C-alpha atoms as a PDB file:
ATOM      1  CA  UNK A   1     -55.977  46.606  -0.326  1.00  0.00           C
ATOM      2  CA  UNK A   2     -53.893  47.973  -3.172  1.00  0.00           C
ATOM      3  CA  UNK A   3     -53.047  45.683  -6.030  1.00  0.00           C
ATOM      4  CA  UNK A   4     -49.435  46.895  -5.765  1.00  0.00           C
ATOM      5  CA  UNK A   5     -49.130  45.596  -2.234  1.00  0.00           C
ATOM      6  CA  UNK A   6     -46.980  42.465  -2.021  1.00  0.00           C
ATOM      7  CA  UNK A   7     -49.059  39.361  -1.482  1.00  0.00           C
ATOM      8  CA  UNK A   8     -47.819  36.878   1.145  1.00  0.00           C
ATOM      9  CA  UNK A   9     -46.667  33.469   0.002  1.00  0.00           C
ATOM     10  CA  UNK A  10     -49.272  30.796   0.384  1.00  0.00           C
ATOM     11  CA  UNK A  11     -48.609  27.593   2.285  1.00  0.00           C
ATOM     12  CA  UNK A  12     -48.637  25.605  -0.951  1.00  0.00           C
ATOM     13  CA  UNK A  13     -45.870  27.766  -2.402  1.00  0.00           C
ATOM     14  CA  UNK A  14     -43.783  27.370   0.741  1.00  0.00           C
ATOM     15  CA  UNK A  15     -44.318  23.626   0.661  1.00  0.00           C
ATOM     16  CA  UNK A  16     -43.262  23.461  -2.987  1.00  0.00           C
ATOM     17  CA  UNK A  17     -40.101  25.432  -2.243  1.00  0.00           C
ATOM     18  CA  UNK A  18     -39.319  23.135   0.682  1.00  0.00           C
ATOM     19  CA  UNK A  19     -39.772  20.025  -1.439  1.00  0.00           C
ATOM     20  CA  UNK A  20     -37.608  21.554  -4.162  1.00  0.00           C
ATOM     21  CA  UNK A  21     -34.806  22.279  -1.665  1.00  0.00           C
ATOM     22  CA  UNK A  22     -35.133  18.770  -0.249  1.00  0.00           C
ATOM     23  CA  UNK A  23     -34.888  17.243  -3.724  1.00  0.00           C
ATOM     24  CA  UNK A  24     -31.753  19.289  -4.459  1.00  0.00           C
ATOM     25  CA  UNK A  25     -30.264  18.240  -1.126  1.00  0.00           C
ATOM     26  CA  UNK A  26     -30.971  14.550  -1.770  1.00  0.00           C
ATOM     27  CA  UNK A  27     -29.505  14.816  -5.263  1.00  0.00           C
ATOM     28  CA  UNK A  28     -26.366  16.393  -3.816  1.00  0.00           C
ATOM     29  CA  UNK A  29     -26.073  13.634  -1.215  1.00  0.00           C
ATOM     30  CA  UNK A  30     -26.557  10.984  -3.895  1.00  0.00           C
ATOM     31  CA  UNK A  31     -23.782  12.526  -6.022  1.00  0.00           C
ATOM     32  CA  UNK A  32     -21.466  12.602  -3.017  1.00  0.00           C
ATOM     33  CA  UNK A  33     -22.286   8.981  -2.209  1.00  0.00           C
ATOM     34  CA  UNK A  34     -21.442   7.996  -5.797  1.00  0.00           C
ATOM     35  CA  UNK A  35     -18.102   9.832  -5.529  1.00  0.00           C
ATOM     36  CA  UNK A  36     -17.365   8.115  -2.204  1.00  0.00           C
ATOM     37  CA  UNK A  37     -18.003   4.714  -3.786  1.00  0.00           C
ATOM     38  CA  UNK A  38     -15.657   5.542  -6.659  1.00  0.00           C
ATOM     39  CA  UNK A  39     -12.907   6.705  -4.297  1.00  0.00           C
ATOM     40  CA  UNK A  40     -13.432   3.689  -2.083  1.00  0.00           C
ATOM     41  CA  UNK A  41     -13.144   1.355  -5.066  1.00  0.00           C
ATOM     42  CA  UNK A  42      -9.977   3.067  -6.284  1.00  0.00           C
ATOM     43  CA  UNK A  43      -8.467   2.874  -2.796  1.00  0.00           C
ATOM     44  CA  UNK A  44      -9.284  -0.835  -2.537  1.00  0.00           C
ATOM     45  CA  UNK A  45      -7.686  -1.389  -5.941  1.00  0.00           C
ATOM     46  CA  UNK A  46      -4.504   0.391  -4.850  1.00  0.00           C
ATOM     47  CA  UNK A  47      -4.486  -1.606  -1.604  1.00  0.00           C
ATOM     48  CA  UNK A  48      -4.852  -4.877  -3.510  1.00  0.00           C
ATOM     49  CA  UNK A  49      -2.059  -3.886  -5.911  1.00  0.00           C
ATOM     50  CA  UNK A  50       0.234  -3.072  -2.975  1.00  0.00           C
ATOM     51  CA  UNK A  51      -0.611  -6.474  -1.482  1.00  0.00           C
ATOM     52  CA  UNK A  52       0.400  -8.213  -4.720  1.00  0.00           C
ATOM     53  CA  UNK A  53       3.653  -6.247  -4.900  1.00  0.00           C
ATOM     54  CA  UNK A  54       4.441  -7.162  -1.290  1.00  0.00           C
ATOM     55  CA  UNK A  55       3.817 -10.841  -2.017  1.00  0.00           C
ATOM     56  CA  UNK A  56       6.058 -10.622  -5.088  1.00  0.00           C
ATOM     57  CA  UNK A  57       8.877  -9.146  -2.966  1.00  0.00           C
ATOM     58  CA  UNK A  58       8.461 -11.965  -0.440  1.00  0.00           C
ATOM     59  CA  UNK A  59       8.773 -14.505  -3.262  1.00  0.00           C
ATOM     60  CA  UNK A  60      11.911 -12.900  -4.724  1.00  0.00           C
ATOM     61  CA  UNK A  61      13.663 -12.547  -1.360  1.00  0.00           C
ATOM     62  CA  UNK A  62      12.719 -16.123  -0.423  1.00  0.00           C
ATOM     63  CA  UNK A  63      14.270 -17.409  -3.642  1.00  0.00           C
ATOM     64  CA  UNK A  64      17.406 -15.362  -3.022  1.00  0.00           C
ATOM     65  CA  UNK A  65      17.803 -16.660   0.542  1.00  0.00           C
ATOM     66  CA  UNK A  66      17.142 -20.229  -0.581  1.00  0.00           C
ATOM     67  CA  UNK A  67      19.842 -20.159  -3.254  1.00  0.00           C
ATOM     68  CA  UNK A  68      22.244 -18.399  -0.886  1.00  0.00           C
ATOM     69  CA  UNK A  69      21.759 -20.893   1.945  1.00  0.00           C
ATOM     70  CA  UNK A  70      21.938 -23.927  -0.332  1.00  0.00           C
ATOM     71  CA  UNK A  71      25.163 -22.792  -1.979  1.00  0.00           C
ATOM     72  CA  UNK A  72      26.747 -21.578   1.266  1.00  0.00           C
ATOM     73  CA  UNK A  73      26.164 -24.743   3.281  1.00  0.00           C
ATOM     74  CA  UNK A  74      26.889 -26.997   0.323  1.00  0.00           C
ATOM     75  CA  UNK A  75      30.230 -25.260  -0.199  1.00  0.00           C
ATOM     76  CA  UNK A  76      31.184 -25.566   3.453  1.00  0.00           C
ATOM     77  CA  UNK A  77      30.334 -29.273   3.677  1.00  0.00           C
ATOM     78  CA  UNK A  78      31.791 -30.384   0.326  1.00  0.00           C
ATOM     79  CA  UNK A  79      35.332 -31.139  -0.760  1.00  0.00           C
ATOM     80  CA  UNK A  80      35.595 -27.692  -2.325  1.00  0.00           C
ATOM     81  CA  UNK A  81      35.186 -25.907   1.012  1.00  0.00           C
ATOM     82  CA  UNK A  82      38.487 -24.149   0.405  1.00  0.00           C
ATOM     83  CA  UNK A  83      36.916 -22.242  -2.485  1.00  0.00           C
ATOM     84  CA  UNK A  84      35.453 -18.968  -1.213  1.00  0.00           C
ATOM     85  CA  UNK A  85      32.216 -18.693  -3.180  1.00  0.00           C
ATOM     86  CA  UNK A  86      30.902 -16.040  -0.791  1.00  0.00           C
ATOM     87  CA  UNK A  87      32.893 -13.377   1.040  1.00  0.00           C
ATOM     88  CA  UNK A  88      33.554 -13.477   4.778  1.00  0.00           C
ATOM     89  CA  UNK A  89      30.791 -12.427   7.117  1.00  0.00           C
ATOM     90  CA  UNK A  90      32.723  -9.305   8.053  1.00  0.00           C
ATOM     91  CA  UNK A  91      32.655  -8.193   4.412  1.00  0.00           C
ATOM     92  CA  UNK A  92      29.159  -9.384   3.596  1.00  0.00           C
ATOM     93  CA  UNK A  93      25.921  -7.640   4.606  1.00  0.00           C
ATOM     94  CA  UNK A  94      22.550  -9.367   4.309  1.00  0.00           C
ATOM     95  CA  UNK A  95      20.624  -6.613   6.094  1.00  0.00           C
ATOM     96  CA  UNK A  96      19.333  -4.909   2.891  1.00  0.00           C
ATOM     97  CA  UNK A  97      17.784  -8.179   1.685  1.00  0.00           C
ATOM     98  CA  UNK A  98      16.428  -8.884   5.177  1.00  0.00           C
ATOM     99  CA  UNK A  99      14.957  -5.356   5.254  1.00  0.00           C
ATOM    100  CA  UNK A 100      13.195  -6.023   1.948  1.00  0.00           C
ATOM    101  CA  UNK A 101      11.709  -9.255   3.306  1.00  0.00           C
ATOM    102  CA  UNK A 102      10.591  -7.692   6.605  1.00  0.00           C
ATOM    103  CA  UNK A 103       9.198  -4.628   4.859  1.00  0.00           C
ATOM    104  CA  UNK A 104       7.286  -6.792   2.384  1.00  0.00           C
ATOM    105  CA  UNK A 105       5.848  -8.843   5.253  1.00  0.00           C
ATOM    106  CA  UNK A 106       4.641  -5.646   6.947  1.00  0.00           C
ATOM    107  CA  UNK A 107       3.134  -4.403   3.686  1.00  0.00           C
ATOM    108  CA  UNK A 108       1.299  -7.692   3.170  1.00  0.00           C
ATOM    109  CA  UNK A 109       0.001  -7.779   6.747  1.00  0.00           C
ATOM    110  CA  UNK A 110      -1.183  -4.145   6.740  1.00  0.00           C
ATOM    111  CA  UNK A 111      -2.957  -4.432   3.399  1.00  0.00           C
ATOM    112  CA  UNK A 112      -4.578  -7.757   4.287  1.00  0.00           C
ATOM    113  CA  UNK A 113      -6.001  -6.109   7.417  1.00  0.00           C
ATOM    114  CA  UNK A 114      -7.183  -3.127   5.356  1.00  0.00           C
ATOM    115  CA  UNK A 115      -8.897  -5.357   2.783  1.00  0.00           C
ATOM    116  CA  UNK A 116     -10.472  -7.475   5.524  1.00  0.00           C
ATOM    117  CA  UNK A 117     -11.978  -4.467   7.280  1.00  0.00           C
ATOM    118  CA  UNK A 118     -13.399  -3.302   3.933  1.00  0.00           C
ATOM    119  CA  UNK A 119     -15.826  -6.227   3.973  1.00  0.00           C
ATOM    120  CA  UNK A 120     -19.346  -5.014   4.789  1.00  0.00           C
ATOM    121  CA  UNK A 121     -19.880  -7.414   7.728  1.00  0.00           C
ATOM    122  CA  UNK A 122     -16.581  -6.555   9.428  1.00  0.00           C
ATOM    123  CA  UNK A 123     -16.940  -2.890   8.472  1.00  0.00           C
ATOM    124  CA  UNK A 124     -20.168  -2.605  10.449  1.00  0.00           C
ATOM    125  CA  UNK A 125     -18.644  -4.380  13.437  1.00  0.00           C
ATOM    126  CA  UNK A 126     -15.473  -2.238  13.363  1.00  0.00           C
ATOM    127  CA  UNK A 127     -16.938   1.050  12.184  1.00  0.00           C
ATOM    128  CA  UNK A 128     -14.790   3.108  14.549  1.00  0.00           C
ATOM    129  CA  UNK A 129     -11.558   1.401  13.448  1.00  0.00           C
ATOM    130  CA  UNK A 130     -12.294   1.293   9.715  1.00  0.00           C
ATOM    131  CA  UNK A 131     -11.210   4.835   8.870  1.00  0.00           C
ATOM    132  CA  UNK A 132      -7.953   4.757  10.921  1.00  0.00           C
ATOM    133  CA  UNK A 133      -7.019   1.450   9.286  1.00  0.00           C
ATOM    134  CA  UNK A 134      -7.511   2.902   5.801  1.00  0.00           C
ATOM    135  CA  UNK A 135      -4.842   5.480   6.696  1.00  0.00           C
ATOM    136  CA  UNK A 136      -2.590   3.099   8.638  1.00  0.00           C
ATOM    137  CA  UNK A 137      -2.190   0.453   5.926  1.00  0.00           C
ATOM    138  CA  UNK A 138      -0.815   2.720   3.162  1.00  0.00           C
ATOM    139  CA  UNK A 139       1.236   4.689   5.702  1.00  0.00           C
ATOM    140  CA  UNK A 140       2.956   1.502   6.940  1.00  0.00           C
ATOM    141  CA  UNK A 141       3.556   0.340   3.383  1.00  0.00           C
ATOM    142  CA  UNK A 142       4.898   3.717   2.306  1.00  0.00           C
ATOM    143  CA  UNK A 143       7.328   4.035   5.240  1.00  0.00           C
ATOM    144  CA  UNK A 144       8.604   0.447   5.028  1.00  0.00           C
ATOM    145  CA  UNK A 145       9.136   0.671   1.273  1.00  0.00           C
ATOM    146  CA  UNK A 146      11.077   3.934   1.592  1.00  0.00           C
ATOM    147  CA  UNK A 147      13.231   2.561   4.432  1.00  0.00           C
ATOM    148  CA  UNK A 148      13.947  -0.665   2.519  1.00  0.00           C
ATOM    149  CA  UNK A 149      14.986   1.183  -0.629  1.00  0.00           C
ATOM    150  CA  UNK A 150      17.188   3.606   1.330  1.00  0.00           C
ATOM    151  CA  UNK A 151      18.911   0.747   3.189  1.00  0.00           C
ATOM    152  CA  UNK A 152      19.544  -1.077  -0.072  1.00  0.00           C
ATOM    153  CA  UNK A 153      21.129   1.860  -1.879  1.00  0.00           C
ATOM    154  CA  UNK A 154      23.138   3.005   1.154  1.00  0.00           C
ATOM    155  CA  UNK A 155      24.566  -0.499   1.643  1.00  0.00           C
ATOM    156  CA  UNK A 156      25.142  -0.909  -2.081  1.00  0.00           C
ATOM    157  CA  UNK A 157      27.327   2.220  -2.159  1.00  0.00           C
ATOM    158  CA  UNK A 158      29.816   0.696   0.282  1.00  0.00           C
ATOM    159  CA  UNK A 159      33.175  -0.333  -1.180  1.00  0.00           C
ATOM    160  CA  UNK A 160      34.206  -2.331   1.890  1.00  0.00           C
ATOM    161  CA  UNK A 161      31.123  -4.508   2.354  1.00  0.00           C
ATOM    162  CA  UNK A 162      29.203  -6.452  -0.293  1.00  0.00           C
ATOM    163  CA  UNK A 163      25.499  -7.214  -0.306  1.00  0.00           C
ATOM    164  CA  UNK A 164      23.752 -10.235  -1.772  1.00  0.00           C
ATOM    165  CA  UNK A 165      22.767  -8.382  -4.978  1.00  0.00           C
ATOM    166  CA  UNK A 166      26.125  -6.592  -5.383  1.00  0.00           C
ATOM    167  CA  UNK A 167      28.185  -9.783  -4.990  1.00  0.00           C
ATOM    168  CA  UNK A 168      25.840 -11.759  -7.246  1.00  0.00           C
ATOM    169  CA  UNK A 169      25.875  -9.085  -9.939  1.00  0.00           C
ATOM    170  CA  UNK A 170      29.668  -8.920  -9.818  1.00  0.00           C
ATOM    171  CA  UNK A 171      29.837 -12.624 -10.735  1.00  0.00           C
ATOM    172  CA  UNK A 172      26.717 -12.790 -12.907  1.00  0.00           C
ATOM    173  CA  UNK A 173      28.733 -13.705 -16.033  1.00  0.00           C
ATOM    174  CA  UNK A 174      30.203 -16.753 -14.295  1.00  0.00           C
ATOM    175  CA  UNK A 175      28.579 -19.987 -15.445  1.00  0.00           C
ATOM    176  CA  UNK A 176      27.886 -22.257 -12.476  1.00  0.00           C
ATOM    177  CA  UNK A 177      26.123 -25.520 -11.774  1.00  0.00           C
ATOM    178  CA  UNK A 178      24.384 -26.705  -8.631  1.00  0.00           C
ATOM    179  CA  UNK A 179      25.212 -26.565  -5.767  1.00  0.00           C
ATOM    180  CA  UNK A 180      27.165 -23.458  -6.756  1.00  0.00           C
ATOM    181  CA  UNK A 181      25.047 -20.293  -6.549  1.00  0.00           C
ATOM    182  CA  UNK A 182      23.333 -19.095  -9.757  1.00  0.00           C
ATOM    183  CA  UNK A 183      24.823 -15.611  -9.638  1.00  0.00           C
ATOM    184  CA  UNK A 184      22.992 -14.325 -12.723  1.00  0.00           C
ATOM    185  CA  UNK A 185      19.628 -15.394 -11.320  1.00  0.00           C
ATOM    186  CA  UNK A 186      20.433 -13.979  -7.880  1.00  0.00           C
ATOM    187  CA  UNK A 187      21.394 -10.659  -9.462  1.00  0.00           C
ATOM    188  CA  UNK A 188      18.113 -10.413 -11.345  1.00  0.00           C
ATOM    189  CA  UNK A 189      16.065 -11.468  -8.315  1.00  0.00           C
ATOM    190  CA  UNK A 190      17.826  -8.967  -6.049  1.00  0.00           C
ATOM    191  CA  UNK A 191      17.202  -6.019  -8.335  1.00  0.00           C
ATOM    192  CA  UNK A 192      13.628  -7.171  -9.000  1.00  0.00           C
ATOM    193  CA  UNK A 193      12.899  -7.001  -5.267  1.00  0.00           C
ATOM    194  CA  UNK A 194      14.182  -3.438  -5.064  1.00  0.00           C
ATOM    195  CA  UNK A 195      12.269  -2.386  -8.201  1.00  0.00           C
ATOM    196  CA  UNK A 196       9.071  -3.796  -6.709  1.00  0.00           C
ATOM    197  CA  UNK A 197       9.724  -1.921  -3.463  1.00  0.00           C
ATOM    198  CA  UNK A 198      10.122   1.295  -5.464  1.00  0.00           C
ATOM    199  CA  UNK A 199       6.806   0.592  -7.217  1.00  0.00           C
ATOM    200  CA  UNK A 200       5.074   0.194  -3.850  1.00  0.00           C
ATOM    201  CA  UNK A 201       5.917   3.810  -2.921  1.00  0.00           C
ATOM    202  CA  UNK A 202       3.606   5.572  -5.444  1.00  0.00           C
ATOM    203  CA  UNK A 203       0.927   2.892  -5.012  1.00  0.00           C
ATOM    204  CA  UNK A 204       0.799   3.319  -1.219  1.00  0.00           C
ATOM    205  CA  UNK A 205       0.999   7.101  -1.563  1.00  0.00           C
ATOM    206  CA  UNK A 206      -1.990   7.016  -3.930  1.00  0.00           C
ATOM    207  CA  UNK A 207      -3.941   4.828  -1.489  1.00  0.00           C
ATOM    208  CA  UNK A 208      -3.097   7.253   1.329  1.00  0.00           C
ATOM    209  CA  UNK A 209      -4.321  10.287  -0.667  1.00  0.00           C
ATOM    210  CA  UNK A 210      -7.505   8.466  -1.706  1.00  0.00           C
ATOM    211  CA  UNK A 211      -8.165   7.579   1.930  1.00  0.00           C
ATOM    212  CA  UNK A 212      -7.836  11.262   2.809  1.00  0.00           C
ATOM    213  CA  UNK A 213     -10.346  12.350   0.150  1.00  0.00           C
ATOM    214  CA  UNK A 214     -12.664   9.534   1.181  1.00  0.00           C
ATOM    215  CA  UNK A 215     -12.561  10.617   4.840  1.00  0.00           C
ATOM    216  CA  UNK A 216     -13.206  14.251   3.881  1.00  0.00           C
ATOM    217  CA  UNK A 217     -16.251  13.387   1.776  1.00  0.00           C
ATOM    218  CA  UNK A 218     -17.570  11.054   4.457  1.00  0.00           C
ATOM    219  CA  UNK A 219     -17.298  13.835   7.037  1.00  0.00           C
ATOM    220  CA  UNK A 220     -18.987  16.357   4.720  1.00  0.00           C
ATOM    221  CA  UNK A 221     -21.807  13.945   3.931  1.00  0.00           C
ATOM    222  CA  UNK A 222     -22.364  13.173   7.607  1.00  0.00           C
ATOM    223  CA  UNK A 223     -22.479  16.889   8.420  1.00  0.00           C
ATOM    224  CA  UNK A 224     -25.046  17.577   5.698  1.00  0.00           C
ATOM    225  CA  UNK A 225     -27.203  14.652   6.776  1.00  0.00           C
ATOM    226  CA  UNK A 226     -27.115  15.877  10.361  1.00  0.00           C
ATOM    227  CA  UNK A 227     -28.008  19.403   9.239  1.00  0.00           C
ATOM    228  CA  UNK A 228     -30.879  18.087   7.106  1.00  0.00           C
ATOM    229  CA  UNK A 229     -32.478  16.392  10.104  1.00  0.00           C
ATOM    230  CA  UNK A 230     -32.918  19.767  11.777  1.00  0.00           C
ATOM    231  CA  UNK A 231     -34.531  21.399   8.765  1.00  0.00           C
ATOM    232  CA  UNK A 232     -38.249  22.208   9.200  1.00  0.00           C
ATOM    233  CA  UNK A 233     -40.674  20.152   7.167  1.00  0.00           C
ATOM    234  CA  UNK A 234     -44.032  21.265   5.776  1.00  0.00           C
END
């Protein structure tokens, strides 16, 4: 046999190459798993932040409705009922504030469900529903926040009908005592609720994008693990 003739690879060399490829594959899977954990943690953080913002909106709208109801009914039942503290129902629209409250309730509910399914025990029991819920929660929060903000600004542009924030802000410089409505406080609370709803939009959008990257990496990792099972071993 000529010394220039190519020698076949020995079984030990093939085994070493196989182990080297397997080590590279495991290292790649480990790096992907680390990235998935980072994305998952960031998504949970965004979900928790959206939950806090939703709770804050519920608090602000509850305070606004409390002050409105107290002052409205107190004015009607007192000796000063002739004084129109609030406009007539035909010229007064509470729907934007109601939309903020309903939207915040939906945001809170969706994100509580998403955080609950993130728990390891529930995640294993609801493995099939975990990934859809990670998309559903930020999608619900994003849509409800956008709708609430649009309703508020559309209603606030009307010159014929007042809203709770617009009427309160118009009389915010008026000094009042209980049971008269604290217009300055109602004005601040009303705009705070809308500002919080605007903040929810980028937070929920970020959570939605992170859920998409997380799902893509999970699918890629599952595909590689399935492919690795069919690789020959030496």
